[in-house]
Amino acid sequence: MAKIYVNGDAQEVSLPLNVSELIQQQNVLQPEMVSVQVNEEFAEREDWESIQLKEDDKVDFLYFMGGGQPGYALNEKR
Protein backbone atom coordinates (compact mmCIF):
# COMPACT_ATOMS: atom_id res chain seq x y z
CA MET A 1 0.00 0.00 0.00
CA ALA A 2 1.07 3.57 -0.66
CA LYS A 3 -0.22 6.90 0.58
CA ILE A 4 -1.28 9.51 -1.97
CA TYR A 5 -3.29 12.68 -1.52
CA VAL A 6 -6.52 13.08 -3.48
CA ASN A 7 -8.00 16.58 -3.35
CA GLY A 8 -6.01 17.12 -0.17
CA ASP A 9 -7.13 13.93 1.61
CA ALA A 10 -4.61 11.18 2.40
CA GLN A 11 -5.61 7.83 0.93
CA GLU A 12 -4.05 4.39 0.91
CA VAL A 13 -3.86 2.84 -2.56
CA SER A 14 -2.31 -0.23 -4.11
CA LEU A 15 0.43 0.37 -6.65
CA PRO A 16 0.89 0.22 -9.57
CA LEU A 17 -1.91 2.69 -10.25
CA ASN A 18 -2.33 5.14 -13.10
CA VAL A 19 -4.49 8.27 -13.27
CA SER A 20 -7.26 6.57 -15.30
CA GLU A 21 -7.50 3.77 -12.75
CA LEU A 22 -7.63 6.26 -9.88
CA ILE A 23 -10.48 8.12 -11.58
CA GLN A 24 -12.42 4.84 -11.78
CA GLN A 25 -11.61 3.88 -8.17
CA GLN A 26 -12.70 7.30 -6.92
CA ASN A 27 -16.00 7.16 -8.86
CA VAL A 28 -15.26 10.60 -10.28
CA LEU A 29 -18.44 12.17 -11.57
CA GLN A 30 -18.36 13.23 -15.21
CA PRO A 31 -14.80 12.08 -15.89
CA GLU A 32 -15.08 13.55 -19.38
CA MET A 33 -15.40 17.01 -17.75
CA VAL A 34 -12.62 16.72 -15.16
CA SER A 35 -9.11 18.11 -15.37
CA VAL A 36 -6.40 16.41 -13.36
CA GLN A 37 -3.34 17.81 -11.67
CA VAL A 38 -0.58 15.53 -10.40
CA ASN A 39 1.83 17.31 -8.09
CA GLU A 40 0.46 20.67 -9.26
CA GLU A 41 1.10 19.91 -12.94
CA PHE A 42 -1.83 19.47 -15.32
CA ALA A 43 -1.99 15.97 -16.78
CA GLU A 44 -3.05 15.70 -20.41
CA ARG A 45 -6.05 13.40 -20.85
CA GLU A 46 -4.20 11.30 -23.43
CA ASP A 47 -1.46 10.65 -20.84
CA TRP A 48 -3.71 9.48 -17.98
CA GLU A 49 -3.10 5.79 -18.65
CA SER A 50 0.67 6.22 -18.78
CA ILE A 51 1.05 8.40 -15.68
CA GLN A 52 1.96 6.01 -12.86
CA LEU A 53 1.27 7.35 -9.39
CA LYS A 54 3.78 6.90 -6.60
CA GLU A 55 4.03 7.36 -2.84
CA ASP A 56 3.11 10.88 -1.65
CA ASP A 57 1.81 12.08 -5.02
CA LYS A 58 -0.80 14.81 -4.84
CA VAL A 59 -3.70 14.41 -7.26
CA ASP A 60 -6.43 17.00 -7.70
CA PHE A 61 -9.62 16.59 -9.72
CA LEU A 62 -10.77 19.98 -11.00
CA TYR A 63 -14.00 21.01 -12.65
CA PHE A 64 -14.08 24.33 -14.46
CA MET A 65 -17.46 25.98 -14.40
CA GLY A 66 -18.78 28.86 -16.40
CA GLY A 67 -20.84 31.47 -14.77
CA GLY A 68 -21.33 35.11 -14.28
CA GLN A 69 -24.01 37.52 -15.18
CA PRO A 70 -25.08 37.78 -18.83
CA GLY A 71 -24.20 41.14 -20.35
CA TYR A 72 -21.79 42.08 -17.57
CA ALA A 73 -18.18 42.80 -18.45
CA LEU A 74 -15.49 42.92 -15.78
CA ASN A 75 -14.21 46.32 -16.79
CA GLU A 76 -17.67 47.82 -17.32
CA LYS A 77 -18.42 50.73 -14.98
CA ARG A 78 -21.63 50.47 -13.00
PDB file of N, CA and C in Angstrom:
ATOM      1  N   MET A   1       0.844  -1.191   0.000  1.00  0.00           N
ATOM      2  CA  MET A   1       0.000   0.000   0.000  1.00  0.00           C
ATOM      3  C   MET A   1       0.886   1.250   0.000  1.00  0.00           C
ATOM      4  N   ALA A   2       0.365   2.294  -0.602  1.00  0.00           N
ATOM      5  CA  ALA A   2       1.072   3.569  -0.662  1.00  0.00           C
ATOM      6  C   ALA A   2       0.096   4.681  -0.309  1.00  0.00           C
ATOM      7  N   LYS A   3       0.623   5.759   0.252  1.00  0.00           N
ATOM      8  CA  LYS A   3      -0.216   6.903   0.580  1.00  0.00           C
ATOM      9  C   LYS A   3      -0.086   7.943  -0.518  1.00  0.00           C
ATOM     10  N   ILE A   4      -1.231   8.380  -1.047  1.00  0.00           N
ATOM     11  CA  ILE A   4      -1.282   9.513  -1.969  1.00  0.00           C
ATOM     12  C   ILE A   4      -2.314  10.483  -1.407  1.00  0.00           C
ATOM     13  N   TYR A   5      -2.334  11.662  -1.961  1.00  0.00           N
ATOM     14  CA  TYR A   5      -3.291  12.677  -1.522  1.00  0.00           C
ATOM     15  C   TYR A   5      -4.218  12.997  -2.689  1.00  0.00           C
ATOM     16  N   VAL A   6      -5.519  12.821  -2.453  1.00  0.00           N
ATOM     17  CA  VAL A   6      -6.519  13.081  -3.482  1.00  0.00           C
ATOM     18  C   VAL A   6      -7.368  14.251  -3.001  1.00  0.00           C
ATOM     19  N   ASN A   7      -7.304  15.347  -3.746  1.00  0.00           N
ATOM     20  CA  ASN A   7      -8.002  16.575  -3.353  1.00  0.00           C
ATOM     21  C   ASN A   7      -7.707  16.928  -1.903  1.00  0.00           C
ATOM     22  N   GLY A   8      -6.456  16.736  -1.499  1.00  0.00           N
ATOM     23  CA  GLY A   8      -6.011  17.117  -0.170  1.00  0.00           C
ATOM     24  C   GLY A   8      -6.185  16.068   0.915  1.00  0.00           C
ATOM     25  N   ASP A   9      -6.891  14.971   0.627  1.00  0.00           N
ATOM     26  CA  ASP A   9      -7.128  13.927   1.614  1.00  0.00           C
ATOM     27  C   ASP A   9      -6.165  12.764   1.403  1.00  0.00           C
ATOM     28  N   ALA A  10      -5.518  12.331   2.482  1.00  0.00           N
ATOM     29  CA  ALA A  10      -4.609  11.184   2.398  1.00  0.00           C
ATOM     30  C   ALA A  10      -5.422   9.920   2.159  1.00  0.00           C
ATOM     31  N   GLN A  11      -4.943   9.089   1.241  1.00  0.00           N
ATOM     32  CA  GLN A  11      -5.614   7.829   0.927  1.00  0.00           C
ATOM     33  C   GLN A  11      -4.569   6.744   0.712  1.00  0.00           C
ATOM     34  N   GLU A  12      -4.906   5.547   1.141  1.00  0.00           N
ATOM     35  CA  GLU A  12      -4.046   4.386   0.911  1.00  0.00           C
ATOM     36  C   GLU A  12      -4.499   3.712  -0.383  1.00  0.00           C
ATOM     37  N   VAL A  13      -3.558   3.480  -1.278  1.00  0.00           N
ATOM     38  CA  VAL A  13      -3.861   2.840  -2.561  1.00  0.00           C
ATOM     39  C   VAL A  13      -2.844   1.740  -2.824  1.00  0.00           C
ATOM     40  N   SER A  14      -3.227   0.814  -3.673  1.00  0.00           N
ATOM     41  CA  SER A  14      -2.307  -0.233  -4.113  1.00  0.00           C
ATOM     42  C   SER A  14      -1.635   0.223  -5.401  1.00  0.00           C
ATOM     43  N   LEU A  15      -0.335   0.057  -5.443  1.00  0.00           N
ATOM     44  CA  LEU A  15       0.427   0.372  -6.647  1.00  0.00           C
ATOM     45  C   LEU A  15       0.763  -0.913  -7.368  1.00  0.00           C
ATOM     46  N   PRO A  16       0.925  -0.929  -8.667  1.00  0.00           N
ATOM     47  CA  PRO A  16       0.891   0.218  -9.566  1.00  0.00           C
ATOM     48  C   PRO A  16      -0.535   0.724  -9.778  1.00  0.00           C
ATOM     49  N   LEU A  17      -0.628   2.028 -10.035  1.00  0.00           N
ATOM     50  CA  LEU A  17      -1.911   2.692 -10.247  1.00  0.00           C
ATOM     51  C   LEU A  17      -1.677   3.883 -11.156  1.00  0.00           C
ATOM     52  N   ASN A  18      -2.462   3.975 -12.225  1.00  0.00           N
ATOM     53  CA  ASN A  18      -2.331   5.142 -13.096  1.00  0.00           C
ATOM     54  C   ASN A  18      -3.509   6.089 -12.860  1.00  0.00           C
ATOM     55  N   VAL A  19      -3.466   7.249 -13.475  1.00  0.00           N
ATOM     56  CA  VAL A  19      -4.489   8.271 -13.270  1.00  0.00           C
ATOM     57  C   VAL A  19      -5.874   7.771 -13.705  1.00  0.00           C
ATOM     58  N   SER A  20      -5.967   7.093 -14.836  1.00  0.00           N
ATOM     59  CA  SER A  20      -7.261   6.573 -15.301  1.00  0.00           C
ATOM     60  C   SER A  20      -7.859   5.600 -14.287  1.00  0.00           C
ATOM     61  N   GLU A  21      -7.025   4.733 -13.745  1.00  0.00           N
ATOM     62  CA  GLU A  21      -7.505   3.768 -12.748  1.00  0.00           C
ATOM     63  C   GLU A  21      -7.959   4.475 -11.471  1.00  0.00           C
ATOM     64  N   LEU A  22      -7.233   5.510 -11.070  1.00  0.00           N
ATOM     65  CA  LEU A  22      -7.631   6.263  -9.881  1.00  0.00           C
ATOM     66  C   LEU A  22      -8.981   6.932 -10.094  1.00  0.00           C
ATOM     67  N   ILE A  23      -9.202   7.488 -11.266  1.00  0.00           N
ATOM     68  CA  ILE A  23     -10.485   8.121 -11.577  1.00  0.00           C
ATOM     69  C   ILE A  23     -11.613   7.108 -11.432  1.00  0.00           C
ATOM     70  N   GLN A  24     -11.406   5.891 -11.917  1.00  0.00           N
ATOM     71  CA  GLN A  24     -12.419   4.842 -11.781  1.00  0.00           C
ATOM     72  C   GLN A  24     -12.609   4.452 -10.318  1.00  0.00           C
ATOM     73  N   GLN A  25     -11.524   4.271  -9.587  1.00  0.00           N
ATOM     74  CA  GLN A  25     -11.612   3.884  -8.173  1.00  0.00           C
ATOM     75  C   GLN A  25     -12.331   4.938  -7.342  1.00  0.00           C
ATOM     76  N   GLN A  26     -12.127   6.197  -7.690  1.00  0.00           N
ATOM     77  CA  GLN A  26     -12.704   7.298  -6.920  1.00  0.00           C
ATOM     78  C   GLN A  26     -14.145   7.622  -7.348  1.00  0.00           C
ATOM     79  N   ASN A  27     -14.649   6.889  -8.346  1.00  0.00           N
ATOM     80  CA  ASN A  27     -16.003   7.159  -8.860  1.00  0.00           C
ATOM     81  C   ASN A  27     -16.191   8.637  -9.193  1.00  0.00           C
ATOM     82  N   VAL A  28     -15.215   9.185  -9.911  1.00  0.00           N
ATOM     83  CA  VAL A  28     -15.264  10.595 -10.281  1.00  0.00           C
ATOM     84  C   VAL A  28     -16.468  10.838 -11.177  1.00  0.00           C
ATOM     85  N   LEU A  29     -17.277  11.813 -10.779  1.00  0.00           N
ATOM     86  CA  LEU A  29     -18.444  12.175 -11.572  1.00  0.00           C
ATOM     87  C   LEU A  29     -18.000  12.907 -12.832  1.00  0.00           C
ATOM     88  N   GLN A  30     -18.641  12.607 -13.913  1.00  0.00           N
ATOM     89  CA  GLN A  30     -18.364  13.229 -15.209  1.00  0.00           C
ATOM     90  C   GLN A  30     -16.869  13.263 -15.525  1.00  0.00           C
ATOM     91  N   PRO A  31     -16.239  12.093 -15.617  1.00  0.00           N
ATOM     92  CA  PRO A  31     -14.796  12.077 -15.895  1.00  0.00           C
ATOM     93  C   PRO A  31     -14.426  12.771 -17.205  1.00  0.00           C
ATOM     94  N   GLU A  32     -15.356  12.863 -18.123  1.00  0.00           N
ATOM     95  CA  GLU A  32     -15.076  13.548 -19.383  1.00  0.00           C
ATOM     96  C   GLU A  32     -14.979  15.065 -19.188  1.00  0.00           C
ATOM     97  N   MET A  33     -15.425  15.570 -18.035  1.00  0.00           N
ATOM     98  CA  MET A  33     -15.403  17.006 -17.754  1.00  0.00           C
ATOM     99  C   MET A  33     -14.322  17.396 -16.744  1.00  0.00           C
ATOM    100  N   VAL A  34     -13.593  16.424 -16.221  1.00  0.00           N
ATOM    101  CA  VAL A  34     -12.624  16.716 -15.164  1.00  0.00           C
ATOM    102  C   VAL A  34     -11.242  16.994 -15.751  1.00  0.00           C
ATOM    103  N   SER A  35     -10.533  17.899 -15.102  1.00  0.00           N
ATOM    104  CA  SER A  35      -9.112  18.107 -15.369  1.00  0.00           C
ATOM    105  C   SER A  35      -8.360  17.541 -14.178  1.00  0.00           C
ATOM    106  N   VAL A  36      -7.164  17.052 -14.421  1.00  0.00           N
ATOM    107  CA  VAL A  36      -6.399  16.408 -13.361  1.00  0.00           C
ATOM    108  C   VAL A  36      -5.047  17.088 -13.227  1.00  0.00           C
ATOM    109  N   GLN A  37      -4.680  17.348 -11.979  1.00  0.00           N
ATOM    110  CA  GLN A  37      -3.340  17.812 -11.672  1.00  0.00           C
ATOM    111  C   GLN A  37      -2.653  16.731 -10.850  1.00  0.00           C
ATOM    112  N   VAL A  38      -1.417  16.439 -11.187  1.00  0.00           N
ATOM    113  CA  VAL A  38      -0.582  15.534 -10.399  1.00  0.00           C
ATOM    114  C   VAL A  38       0.620  16.352  -9.955  1.00  0.00           C
ATOM    115  N   ASN A  39       0.747  16.491  -8.659  1.00  0.00           N
ATOM    116  CA  ASN A  39       1.831  17.306  -8.090  1.00  0.00           C
ATOM    117  C   ASN A  39       1.864  18.705  -8.700  1.00  0.00           C
ATOM    118  N   GLU A  40       0.674  19.295  -8.795  1.00  0.00           N
ATOM    119  CA  GLU A  40       0.461  20.671  -9.255  1.00  0.00           C
ATOM    120  C   GLU A  40       0.763  20.901 -10.733  1.00  0.00           C
ATOM    121  N   GLU A  41       0.903  19.816 -11.491  1.00  0.00           N
ATOM    122  CA  GLU A  41       1.099  19.913 -12.942  1.00  0.00           C
ATOM    123  C   GLU A  41      -0.127  19.304 -13.629  1.00  0.00           C
ATOM    124  N   PHE A  42      -0.687  20.022 -14.603  1.00  0.00           N
ATOM    125  CA  PHE A  42      -1.827  19.470 -15.317  1.00  0.00           C
ATOM    126  C   PHE A  42      -1.405  18.246 -16.118  1.00  0.00           C
ATOM    127  N   ALA A  43      -2.231  17.215 -16.045  1.00  0.00           N
ATOM    128  CA  ALA A  43      -1.988  15.971 -16.780  1.00  0.00           C
ATOM    129  C   ALA A  43      -2.885  15.964 -18.013  1.00  0.00           C
ATOM    130  N   GLU A  44      -2.283  15.777 -19.163  1.00  0.00           N
ATOM    131  CA  GLU A  44      -3.052  15.698 -20.406  1.00  0.00           C
ATOM    132  C   GLU A  44      -3.887  14.422 -20.402  1.00  0.00           C
ATOM    133  N   ARG A  45      -5.119  14.538 -20.833  1.00  0.00           N
ATOM    134  CA  ARG A  45      -6.045  13.402 -20.847  1.00  0.00           C
ATOM    135  C   ARG A  45      -5.459  12.193 -21.574  1.00  0.00           C
ATOM    136  N   GLU A  46      -4.766  12.422 -22.674  1.00  0.00           N
ATOM    137  CA  GLU A  46      -4.202  11.297 -23.435  1.00  0.00           C
ATOM    138  C   GLU A  46      -3.046  10.610 -22.699  1.00  0.00           C
ATOM    139  N   ASP A  47      -2.555  11.238 -21.624  1.00  0.00           N
ATOM    140  CA  ASP A  47      -1.461  10.650 -20.839  1.00  0.00           C
ATOM    141  C   ASP A  47      -1.928   9.950 -19.566  1.00  0.00           C
ATOM    142  N   TRP A  48      -3.205  10.016 -19.245  1.00  0.00           N
ATOM    143  CA  TRP A  48      -3.708   9.482 -17.976  1.00  0.00           C
ATOM    144  C   TRP A  48      -3.334   8.022 -17.758  1.00  0.00           C
ATOM    145  N   GLU A  49      -3.402   7.214 -18.814  1.00  0.00           N
ATOM    146  CA  GLU A  49      -3.099   5.789 -18.651  1.00  0.00           C
ATOM    147  C   GLU A  49      -1.610   5.526 -18.470  1.00  0.00           C
ATOM    148  N   SER A  50      -0.774   6.441 -18.905  1.00  0.00           N
ATOM    149  CA  SER A  50       0.674   6.220 -18.784  1.00  0.00           C
ATOM    150  C   SER A  50       1.289   6.895 -17.555  1.00  0.00           C
ATOM    151  N   ILE A  51       0.527   7.735 -16.877  1.00  0.00           N
ATOM    152  CA  ILE A  51       1.049   8.401 -15.677  1.00  0.00           C
ATOM    153  C   ILE A  51       0.868   7.474 -14.485  1.00  0.00           C
ATOM    154  N   GLN A  52       1.972   6.922 -14.013  1.00  0.00           N
ATOM    155  CA  GLN A  52       1.960   6.012 -12.865  1.00  0.00           C
ATOM    156  C   GLN A  52       2.139   6.827 -11.584  1.00  0.00           C
ATOM    157  N   LEU A  53       1.209   6.642 -10.664  1.00  0.00           N
ATOM    158  CA  LEU A  53       1.273   7.355  -9.393  1.00  0.00           C
ATOM    159  C   LEU A  53       2.256   6.663  -8.470  1.00  0.00           C
ATOM    160  N   LYS A  54       2.815   7.456  -7.558  1.00  0.00           N
ATOM    161  CA  LYS A  54       3.777   6.905  -6.599  1.00  0.00           C
ATOM    162  C   LYS A  54       3.518   7.500  -5.219  1.00  0.00           C
ATOM    163  N   GLU A  55       4.179   6.935  -4.240  1.00  0.00           N
ATOM    164  CA  GLU A  55       4.033   7.359  -2.844  1.00  0.00           C
ATOM    165  C   GLU A  55       4.114   8.881  -2.726  1.00  0.00           C
ATOM    166  N   ASP A  56       3.168   9.451  -1.966  1.00  0.00           N
ATOM    167  CA  ASP A  56       3.113  10.884  -1.645  1.00  0.00           C
ATOM    168  C   ASP A  56       2.723  11.789  -2.801  1.00  0.00           C
ATOM    169  N   ASP A  57       2.302  11.224  -3.943  1.00  0.00           N
ATOM    170  CA  ASP A  57       1.807  12.076  -5.023  1.00  0.00           C
ATOM    171  C   ASP A  57       0.558  12.811  -4.559  1.00  0.00           C
ATOM    172  N   LYS A  58       0.382  14.000  -5.123  1.00  0.00           N
ATOM    173  CA  LYS A  58      -0.796  14.811  -4.842  1.00  0.00           C
ATOM    174  C   LYS A  58      -1.604  14.924  -6.130  1.00  0.00           C
ATOM    175  N   VAL A  59      -2.835  14.420  -6.084  1.00  0.00           N
ATOM    176  CA  VAL A  59      -3.705  14.407  -7.255  1.00  0.00           C
ATOM    177  C   VAL A  59      -4.929  15.259  -6.945  1.00  0.00           C
ATOM    178  N   ASP A  60      -5.245  16.162  -7.855  1.00  0.00           N
ATOM    179  CA  ASP A  60      -6.432  16.995  -7.697  1.00  0.00           C
ATOM    180  C   ASP A  60      -7.313  16.835  -8.918  1.00  0.00           C
ATOM    181  N   PHE A  61      -8.621  16.638  -8.661  1.00  0.00           N
ATOM    182  CA  PHE A  61      -9.618  16.595  -9.722  1.00  0.00           C
ATOM    183  C   PHE A  61     -10.292  17.957  -9.738  1.00  0.00           C
ATOM    184  N   LEU A  62     -10.249  18.616 -10.881  1.00  0.00           N
ATOM    185  CA  LEU A  62     -10.769  19.978 -11.004  1.00  0.00           C
ATOM    186  C   LEU A  62     -11.871  20.035 -12.052  1.00  0.00           C
ATOM    187  N   TYR A  63     -12.908  20.767 -11.713  1.00  0.00           N
ATOM    188  CA  TYR A  63     -14.000  21.014 -12.649  1.00  0.00           C
ATOM    189  C   TYR A  63     -14.062  22.516 -12.879  1.00  0.00           C
ATOM    190  N   PHE A  64     -13.984  22.918 -14.131  1.00  0.00           N
ATOM    191  CA  PHE A  64     -14.082  24.330 -14.461  1.00  0.00           C
ATOM    192  C   PHE A  64     -15.515  24.630 -14.835  1.00  0.00           C
ATOM    193  N   MET A  65     -16.052  25.648 -14.191  1.00  0.00           N
ATOM    194  CA  MET A  65     -17.459  25.978 -14.402  1.00  0.00           C
ATOM    195  C   MET A  65     -17.571  27.385 -14.947  1.00  0.00           C
ATOM    196  N   GLY A  66     -18.470  27.533 -15.894  1.00  0.00           N
ATOM    197  CA  GLY A  66     -18.780  28.859 -16.401  1.00  0.00           C
ATOM    198  C   GLY A  66     -19.737  29.539 -15.439  1.00  0.00           C
ATOM    199  N   GLY A  67     -19.907  30.761 -15.632  1.00  0.00           N
ATOM    200  CA  GLY A  67     -20.843  31.471 -14.767  1.00  0.00           C
ATOM    201  C   GLY A  67     -20.758  32.950 -15.029  1.00  0.00           C
ATOM    202  N   GLY A  68     -21.329  33.664 -14.138  1.00  0.00           N
ATOM    203  CA  GLY A  68     -21.326  35.108 -14.279  1.00  0.00           C
ATOM    204  C   GLY A  68     -22.695  35.610 -14.665  1.00  0.00           C
ATOM    205  N   GLN A  69     -22.747  36.871 -14.879  1.00  0.00           N
ATOM    206  CA  GLN A  69     -24.008  37.521 -15.185  1.00  0.00           C
ATOM    207  C   GLN A  69     -24.014  37.896 -16.660  1.00  0.00           C
ATOM    208  N   PRO A  70     -25.031  37.449 -17.403  1.00  0.00           N
ATOM    209  CA  PRO A  70     -25.079  37.784 -18.828  1.00  0.00           C
ATOM    210  C   PRO A  70     -25.043  39.301 -19.040  1.00  0.00           C
ATOM    211  N   GLY A  71     -24.265  39.734 -20.002  1.00  0.00           N
ATOM    212  CA  GLY A  71     -24.203  41.142 -20.351  1.00  0.00           C
ATOM    213  C   GLY A  71     -23.329  41.970 -19.426  1.00  0.00           C
ATOM    214  N   TYR A  72     -22.647  41.343 -18.508  1.00  0.00           N
ATOM    215  CA  TYR A  72     -21.793  42.078 -17.566  1.00  0.00           C
ATOM    216  C   TYR A  72     -20.339  41.837 -17.924  1.00  0.00           C
ATOM    217  N   ALA A  73     -19.610  42.899 -18.148  1.00  0.00           N
ATOM    218  CA  ALA A  73     -18.184  42.802 -18.452  1.00  0.00           C
ATOM    219  C   ALA A  73     -17.399  43.238 -17.217  1.00  0.00           C
ATOM    220  N   LEU A  74     -16.270  42.613 -16.970  1.00  0.00           N
ATOM    221  CA  LEU A  74     -15.491  42.921 -15.781  1.00  0.00           C
ATOM    222  C   LEU A  74     -15.045  44.378 -15.701  1.00  0.00           C
ATOM    223  N   ASN A  75     -14.703  44.945 -16.827  1.00  0.00           N
ATOM    224  CA  ASN A  75     -14.211  46.316 -16.788  1.00  0.00           C
ATOM    225  C   ASN A  75     -15.305  47.340 -17.093  1.00  0.00           C
ATOM    226  N   GLU A  76     -16.533  46.921 -17.091  1.00  0.00           N
ATOM    227  CA  GLU A  76     -17.666  47.822 -17.325  1.00  0.00           C
ATOM    228  C   GLU A  76     -17.942  48.596 -16.038  1.00  0.00           C
ATOM    229  N   LYS A  77     -18.118  49.906 -16.157  1.00  0.00           N
ATOM    230  CA  LYS A  77     -18.425  50.729 -14.979  1.00  0.00           C
ATOM    231  C   LYS A  77     -19.907  50.629 -14.681  1.00  0.00           C
ATOM    232  N   ARG A  78     -20.222  50.562 -13.422  1.00  0.00           N
ATOM    233  CA  ARG A  78     -21.632  50.469 -12.996  1.00  0.00           C
ATOM    234  C   ARG A  78     -22.034  51.745 -12.349  1.00  0.00           C
TER     235      ARG A  78
END
